[in-house]
Amino acid sequence: MKTVLVTGGSGKLGAFAVRHLSNSGWDVISADRVPNPNNDVKSIIVDFRDAAQVMDLILGTDEKHTKLDAVVHLAAIPAPGIATDKATIDNNFNSSLNIFMASQKAGIKKIVFASSETVLGLPFDTPPPYVPVDEEYAPRPESYYSLSKTLEEALAKELCRWDESLGMVGLRFSNVIDPVEYPDFENYQSDPMSRKWNLWGYIDARDGALAIEKALEYQRPGFEPFIIASPDTVMRTANDDLLKAVFPDVPRKTEFGDHETLLSIRKAQKLLGYNPENSWRKS
């Protein structure tokens, strides 16, 4: 059984990831600022801004583990506007720097981390270059939160350049949704502008956890970013009507279905074998 450390394991996505990976045969250790609510999970309390605590965590703490096979780094202030800009970028980038550095120095060769859809240019006050958006254009951070994620991706790229055997995957998660939140989607239906900020996208937390599993299984070394979203939009209105109303001048790069996500997951489907199964339309 391989051992994986999940930082942020008590958070919204983290809790789903811990459960999914445990059910998939991983020995999972959850690390967060608060204990994991699942008493059956090995749990460690850590301040990720403290490099010494992080080094202890990676190397082995209180007999929780003696060796890690992989790290999944989800811990972060999860969106802009929750904390001040300075606190957000200090927390997110420094925590990731500590995790990445300690993991690399400990010889861990597989690191999966939460990047963000925001690096694509959210909230799209400047329209996207085309739709569906994908990983082919350079990051366009429009907030300090997004800048922290862009810097994390740049750091991962350089660490993989230093060590050609290191594999790092940045998952650009869309807006994470617990299935219990699906009734709230009714609030979006009357106004196309209500969710234009991320092209009407979302990610079911269960499929977010699946994407993490697939990223851990991805064997190619180097850094690779992937957009991770649910297969559809949050809207009943067809994409053609949404785009005519909100982004009439944005070019259409490929064909897409009436309700197919405009945050392209085709790269993740092709390279990771990521095939999301959950949708608010089925709830």
Protein backbone atom coordinates (compact mmCIF):
# COMPACT_ATOMS: atom_id res chain seq x y z
CA MET A 1 0.00 0.00 0.00
CA LYS A 2 1.41 3.38 -1.00
CA THR A 3 1.27 6.32 1.39
CA VAL A 4 0.04 9.76 0.30
CA LEU A 5 -0.06 12.97 2.29
CA VAL A 6 -3.06 15.21 1.58
CA THR A 7 -2.64 18.77 2.82
CA GLY A 8 -5.87 20.62 3.39
CA GLY A 9 -7.48 17.24 4.04
CA SER A 10 -10.15 18.78 6.27
CA GLY A 11 -11.34 21.24 3.60
CA LYS A 12 -14.22 20.92 1.15
CA LEU A 13 -12.29 19.20 -1.64
CA GLY A 14 -9.75 17.69 0.74
CA ALA A 15 -12.34 15.69 2.66
CA PHE A 16 -13.64 14.16 -0.58
CA ALA A 17 -10.07 13.46 -1.74
CA VAL A 18 -9.11 11.74 1.53
CA ARG A 19 -12.18 9.52 1.38
CA HIS A 20 -11.75 8.69 -2.31
CA LEU A 21 -8.05 7.86 -2.08
CA SER A 22 -8.61 5.73 1.04
CA ASN A 23 -11.30 3.79 -0.81
CA SER A 24 -8.92 3.40 -3.77
CA GLY A 25 -6.27 1.63 -1.71
CA TRP A 26 -3.97 4.45 -0.61
CA ASP A 27 -2.75 4.82 2.95
CA VAL A 28 -3.81 8.44 3.45
CA ILE A 29 -2.51 10.97 5.95
CA SER A 30 -4.49 14.19 6.27
CA ALA A 31 -2.67 17.36 7.31
CA ASP A 32 -4.44 20.64 8.05
CA ARG A 33 -4.74 23.42 10.61
CA VAL A 34 -7.71 21.56 12.11
CA PRO A 35 -8.18 17.81 12.67
CA ASN A 36 -9.81 15.74 9.96
CA PRO A 37 -13.48 15.19 10.85
CA ASN A 38 -13.16 11.49 9.93
CA ASN A 39 -11.85 9.76 13.04
CA ASP A 40 -10.71 6.79 10.95
CA VAL A 41 -8.16 8.93 9.07
CA LYS A 42 -4.61 9.58 10.25
CA SER A 43 -4.60 13.30 10.96
CA ILE A 44 -1.84 15.81 11.74
CA ILE A 45 -2.23 19.50 12.64
CA VAL A 46 0.28 21.67 10.79
CA ASP A 47 0.85 25.35 10.03
CA PHE A 48 2.11 25.14 6.44
CA ARG A 49 3.64 28.61 6.66
CA ASP A 50 6.23 27.21 9.09
CA ALA A 51 9.00 25.52 7.11
CA ALA A 52 10.22 23.52 10.11
CA GLN A 53 6.77 22.07 10.75
CA VAL A 54 6.43 21.18 7.09
CA MET A 55 9.82 19.48 7.00
CA ASP A 56 8.87 17.41 10.07
CA LEU A 57 5.56 16.56 8.41
CA ILE A 58 7.20 15.34 5.21
CA LEU A 59 9.97 13.37 6.92
CA GLY A 60 7.71 11.71 9.50
CA THR A 61 5.71 12.87 12.51
CA ASP A 62 4.63 11.00 15.65
CA GLU A 63 4.73 7.59 13.98
CA LYS A 64 2.09 8.63 11.44
CA HIS A 65 4.43 7.61 8.66
CA THR A 66 8.08 6.88 7.93
CA LYS A 67 8.01 7.37 4.17
CA LEU A 68 5.72 9.12 1.72
CA ASP A 69 5.23 7.95 -1.85
CA ALA A 70 3.37 11.06 -2.98
CA VAL A 71 2.03 14.42 -1.81
CA VAL A 72 -1.30 16.01 -2.71
CA HIS A 73 -1.18 19.69 -1.77
CA LEU A 74 -4.64 21.25 -1.46
CA ALA A 75 -4.17 23.52 1.57
CA ALA A 76 -4.74 27.19 0.76
CA ILE A 77 -6.91 30.21 1.26
CA PRO A 78 -9.27 28.92 -1.46
CA ALA A 79 -10.45 32.08 -3.24
CA PRO A 80 -9.91 35.83 -3.54
CA GLY A 81 -11.72 38.08 -1.09
CA ILE A 82 -11.61 35.72 1.90
CA ALA A 83 -8.51 37.35 3.38
CA THR A 84 -6.52 40.45 2.49
CA ASP A 85 -4.47 40.30 -0.68
CA LYS A 86 -1.20 40.30 1.29
CA ALA A 87 -2.36 37.52 3.61
CA THR A 88 -3.60 35.48 0.65
CA ILE A 89 -0.42 35.55 -1.38
CA ASP A 90 1.80 35.15 1.72
CA ASN A 91 -0.15 32.12 2.91
CA ASN A 92 -0.64 30.39 -0.40
CA PHE A 93 2.73 30.84 -2.04
CA ASN A 94 4.83 30.36 1.09
CA SER A 95 2.88 27.25 2.10
CA SER A 96 3.37 25.77 -1.35
CA LEU A 97 7.05 26.72 -1.37
CA ASN A 98 7.51 24.92 1.95
CA ILE A 99 5.64 21.80 0.79
CA PHE A 100 7.39 21.64 -2.59
CA MET A 101 10.85 22.27 -1.15
CA ALA A 102 10.51 19.74 1.66
CA SER A 103 9.07 17.12 -0.71
CA GLN A 104 11.83 17.64 -3.24
CA LYS A 105 14.56 17.47 -0.60
CA ALA A 106 12.97 14.30 0.83
CA GLY A 107 13.18 12.63 -2.58
CA ILE A 108 9.45 12.45 -3.27
CA LYS A 109 8.94 12.17 -7.01
CA LYS A 110 5.16 12.67 -7.33
CA ILE A 111 3.46 15.91 -6.27
CA VAL A 112 -0.08 16.84 -7.21
CA PHE A 113 -1.29 20.30 -6.22
CA ALA A 114 -4.35 22.50 -6.49
CA SER A 115 -3.85 25.26 -9.00
CA SER A 116 -6.95 27.17 -10.05
CA GLU A 117 -9.22 28.07 -12.94
CA THR A 118 -8.49 31.70 -12.02
CA VAL A 119 -5.13 31.54 -13.84
CA LEU A 120 -7.15 31.43 -17.07
CA GLY A 121 -8.14 35.10 -16.61
CA LEU A 122 -11.10 34.98 -14.24
CA PRO A 123 -13.38 36.83 -13.69
CA PHE A 124 -13.12 37.45 -17.44
CA ASP A 125 -13.72 41.19 -17.22
CA THR A 126 -11.25 40.99 -20.08
CA PRO A 127 -12.86 38.37 -22.34
CA PRO A 128 -11.03 35.05 -22.83
CA PRO A 129 -8.98 34.71 -26.03
CA TYR A 130 -11.32 31.96 -27.26
CA VAL A 131 -13.76 29.33 -26.03
CA PRO A 132 -13.58 26.70 -24.79
CA VAL A 133 -10.60 27.97 -22.78
CA ASP A 134 -7.76 25.48 -22.40
CA GLU A 135 -4.17 25.12 -21.20
CA GLU A 136 -2.63 26.41 -24.44
CA TYR A 137 -2.38 30.10 -23.56
CA ALA A 138 -0.22 31.68 -20.84
CA PRO A 139 -1.71 32.36 -17.38
CA ARG A 140 -3.57 35.65 -16.98
CA PRO A 141 -3.83 36.26 -13.22
CA GLU A 142 -6.26 39.04 -12.32
CA SER A 143 -6.05 38.86 -8.50
CA TYR A 144 -3.43 38.20 -5.86
CA TYR A 145 -5.06 34.82 -5.25
CA SER A 146 -4.66 33.96 -8.92
CA LEU A 147 -1.13 35.35 -8.89
CA SER A 148 -0.25 32.99 -6.02
CA LYS A 149 -1.43 30.04 -8.13
CA THR A 150 0.46 31.29 -11.18
CA LEU A 151 3.64 31.55 -9.10
CA GLU A 152 3.10 28.02 -7.76
CA GLU A 153 2.88 26.69 -11.31
CA ALA A 154 6.06 28.58 -12.26
CA LEU A 155 7.84 27.15 -9.19
CA ALA A 156 6.74 23.63 -10.09
CA LYS A 157 8.02 24.06 -13.62
CA GLU A 158 11.46 25.14 -12.39
CA LEU A 159 11.74 22.36 -9.81
CA CYS A 160 10.99 19.82 -12.53
CA ARG A 161 13.63 21.43 -14.73
CA TRP A 162 16.15 20.92 -11.92
CA ASP A 163 15.13 17.29 -11.43
CA GLU A 164 14.13 15.49 -14.60
CA SER A 165 12.74 12.54 -12.58
CA LEU A 166 10.26 14.72 -10.65
CA GLY A 167 6.61 14.71 -11.72
CA MET A 168 4.35 17.59 -10.66
CA VAL A 169 0.74 18.04 -11.75
CA GLY A 170 -1.13 21.31 -11.26
CA LEU A 171 -4.89 20.76 -11.28
CA ARG A 172 -6.69 23.95 -12.28
CA PHE A 173 -9.88 23.20 -10.38
CA SER A 174 -13.08 24.99 -11.24
CA ASN A 175 -15.49 26.17 -8.52
CA VAL A 176 -15.68 23.19 -6.15
CA ILE A 177 -19.25 22.11 -5.38
CA ASP A 178 -20.43 19.68 -2.73
CA PRO A 179 -23.52 17.90 -4.15
CA VAL A 180 -25.61 19.27 -1.28
CA GLU A 181 -25.16 22.71 -2.89
CA TYR A 182 -26.86 21.78 -6.16
CA PRO A 183 -30.23 23.36 -5.24
CA ASP A 184 -28.42 26.73 -5.26
CA PHE A 185 -27.95 26.39 -9.03
CA GLU A 186 -31.55 27.49 -9.49
CA ASN A 187 -30.44 30.98 -8.47
CA TYR A 188 -28.31 31.31 -11.61
CA GLN A 189 -30.86 30.41 -14.23
CA SER A 190 -32.51 33.80 -14.81
CA ASP A 191 -29.30 35.77 -15.38
CA PRO A 192 -26.52 34.72 -17.78
CA MET A 193 -24.21 37.24 -16.09
CA SER A 194 -24.47 35.57 -12.69
CA ARG A 195 -21.81 33.00 -13.51
CA LYS A 196 -20.04 34.51 -16.50
CA TRP A 197 -16.99 34.99 -14.25
CA ASN A 198 -15.91 31.38 -14.83
CA LEU A 199 -17.76 30.61 -18.06
CA TRP A 200 -20.57 28.95 -16.08
CA GLY A 201 -18.26 26.15 -14.88
CA TYR A 202 -18.00 24.05 -11.72
CA ILE A 203 -16.43 20.84 -10.44
CA ASP A 204 -18.34 18.24 -8.45
CA ALA A 205 -16.11 17.48 -5.46
CA ARG A 206 -16.43 13.75 -6.14
CA ASP A 207 -14.98 14.19 -9.61
CA GLY A 208 -12.34 16.55 -8.23
CA ALA A 209 -11.21 13.67 -6.01
CA LEU A 210 -11.22 11.36 -9.04
CA ALA A 211 -8.97 13.80 -10.91
CA ILE A 212 -6.51 13.74 -8.00
CA GLU A 213 -6.38 9.94 -8.16
CA LYS A 214 -5.77 10.06 -11.91
CA ALA A 215 -3.04 12.67 -11.47
CA LEU A 216 -1.28 10.46 -8.90
CA GLU A 217 -1.32 7.65 -11.46
CA TYR A 218 0.13 9.87 -14.21
CA GLN A 219 3.65 8.60 -14.81
CA ARG A 220 5.22 11.22 -17.06
CA PRO A 221 7.91 13.36 -15.31
CA GLY A 222 7.94 17.13 -15.57
CA PHE A 223 5.30 19.72 -14.80
CA GLU A 224 1.87 19.52 -16.43
CA PRO A 225 -1.22 21.68 -15.80
CA PHE A 226 -4.75 20.39 -16.33
CA ILE A 227 -8.12 22.13 -16.20
CA ILE A 228 -10.47 20.11 -14.02
CA ALA A 229 -14.18 20.82 -14.38
CA SER A 230 -17.45 18.95 -14.51
CA PRO A 231 -18.56 17.93 -18.02
CA ASP A 232 -21.37 20.50 -18.22
CA THR A 233 -22.20 24.09 -17.27
CA VAL A 234 -24.31 25.31 -14.35
CA MET A 235 -26.95 26.66 -16.78
CA ARG A 236 -30.02 25.28 -18.53
CA THR A 237 -29.56 27.96 -21.20
CA ALA A 238 -27.58 26.65 -24.16
CA ASN A 239 -23.98 27.75 -24.63
CA ASP A 240 -24.73 29.45 -27.93
CA ASP A 241 -27.27 31.75 -26.27
CA LEU A 242 -25.02 32.41 -23.27
CA LEU A 243 -22.09 33.40 -25.46
CA LYS A 244 -24.20 35.61 -27.73
CA ALA A 245 -25.46 37.46 -24.66
CA VAL A 246 -22.19 37.80 -22.75
CA PHE A 247 -19.19 37.19 -25.05
CA PRO A 248 -20.49 37.78 -28.59
CA ASP A 249 -17.07 38.63 -30.05
CA VAL A 250 -15.02 35.81 -28.51
CA PRO A 251 -13.81 33.30 -31.14
CA ARG A 252 -14.89 29.68 -30.89
CA LYS A 253 -11.85 27.42 -31.05
CA THR A 254 -13.67 24.10 -31.29
CA GLU A 255 -17.19 22.80 -31.52
CA PHE A 256 -19.02 22.05 -28.28
CA GLY A 257 -22.40 20.81 -27.12
CA ASP A 258 -25.30 22.88 -25.85
CA HIS A 259 -24.32 22.40 -22.21
CA GLU A 260 -20.75 21.11 -22.51
CA THR A 261 -18.26 22.79 -20.20
CA LEU A 262 -16.47 25.78 -21.71
CA LEU A 263 -13.52 25.06 -19.42
CA SER A 264 -12.02 22.42 -21.66
CA ILE A 265 -11.26 19.12 -19.94
CA ARG A 266 -10.14 17.42 -23.13
CA LYS A 267 -6.45 17.43 -22.16
CA ALA A 268 -7.27 15.81 -18.80
CA GLN A 269 -9.48 13.27 -20.51
CA LYS A 270 -6.76 12.38 -23.02
CA LEU A 271 -3.67 12.31 -20.79
CA LEU A 272 -5.05 11.48 -17.35
CA GLY A 273 -7.99 9.32 -18.35
CA TYR A 274 -10.20 11.72 -16.37
CA ASN A 275 -13.85 10.97 -17.12
CA PRO A 276 -16.16 12.80 -14.70
CA GLU A 277 -19.42 11.01 -13.97
CA ASN A 278 -21.36 13.47 -11.82
CA SER A 279 -23.61 16.37 -12.82
CA TRP A 280 -26.10 18.62 -11.10
CA ARG A 281 -28.54 17.63 -13.86
CA LYS A 282 -28.62 14.10 -12.42
CA SER A 283 -29.22 15.14 -8.82
